[in-house]
């Protein structure tokens, strides 16, 4: 299980850690990798307080052999290796109104099943079956969704298949071409309106 991106309060990583505590009985034991630098604004304001709280939570629950919290920016090829090695991408965000998530898009574009809290972008993108939407701040809900995908190969394969079907329309090139088409249509429409107004 992997979560990546800039860290800071609101990312909900603590709920992911506590969910892993609920999965101690699972064999083979699932592992959870949290990869990412602390957000620069958070770092300026609070230093590494959030990361240190997460590491303390891991230690308090005896999860040192299950949860890894890694700092550092990864190159695109190195991040691709991390994502490709994961069975599930976890987005346990606290936000209830997050309109977009680059990590969510990249996870689906990589063909990975996603478990995410019910922020609007996740609800929209996962509606087609590419993962599971879970309750906010609820490690039991997260653990249940992870377990469903980890223990049921058919469910995991179906979610991965749904993600792969969506992937082509989420690639940056496709998105750029879509915006280009919209802009061209708007410009063409504006020109025709101006021509019409000069002849009227």
Foldseek 3Di string as FASTA:
>chain_A
DEEEDADDPQQQVLLVLVLLLVQPVDPVRAAYEYEEHHDPVCCVVPNCVVVVVSVVSCVVSVNPVRYDYYYDDDDPVVVLVVLVPDQEYERQGQDQADPDDPVVLVSLLNLHQYEYENHPVCCVLCVQLLYYYFHHPHSVRSNVRVCVLVVDVVSSVSNSVSSNVCNVCSDPVNVVVVVVVVVVVVVVVVVVVVVVVVVD
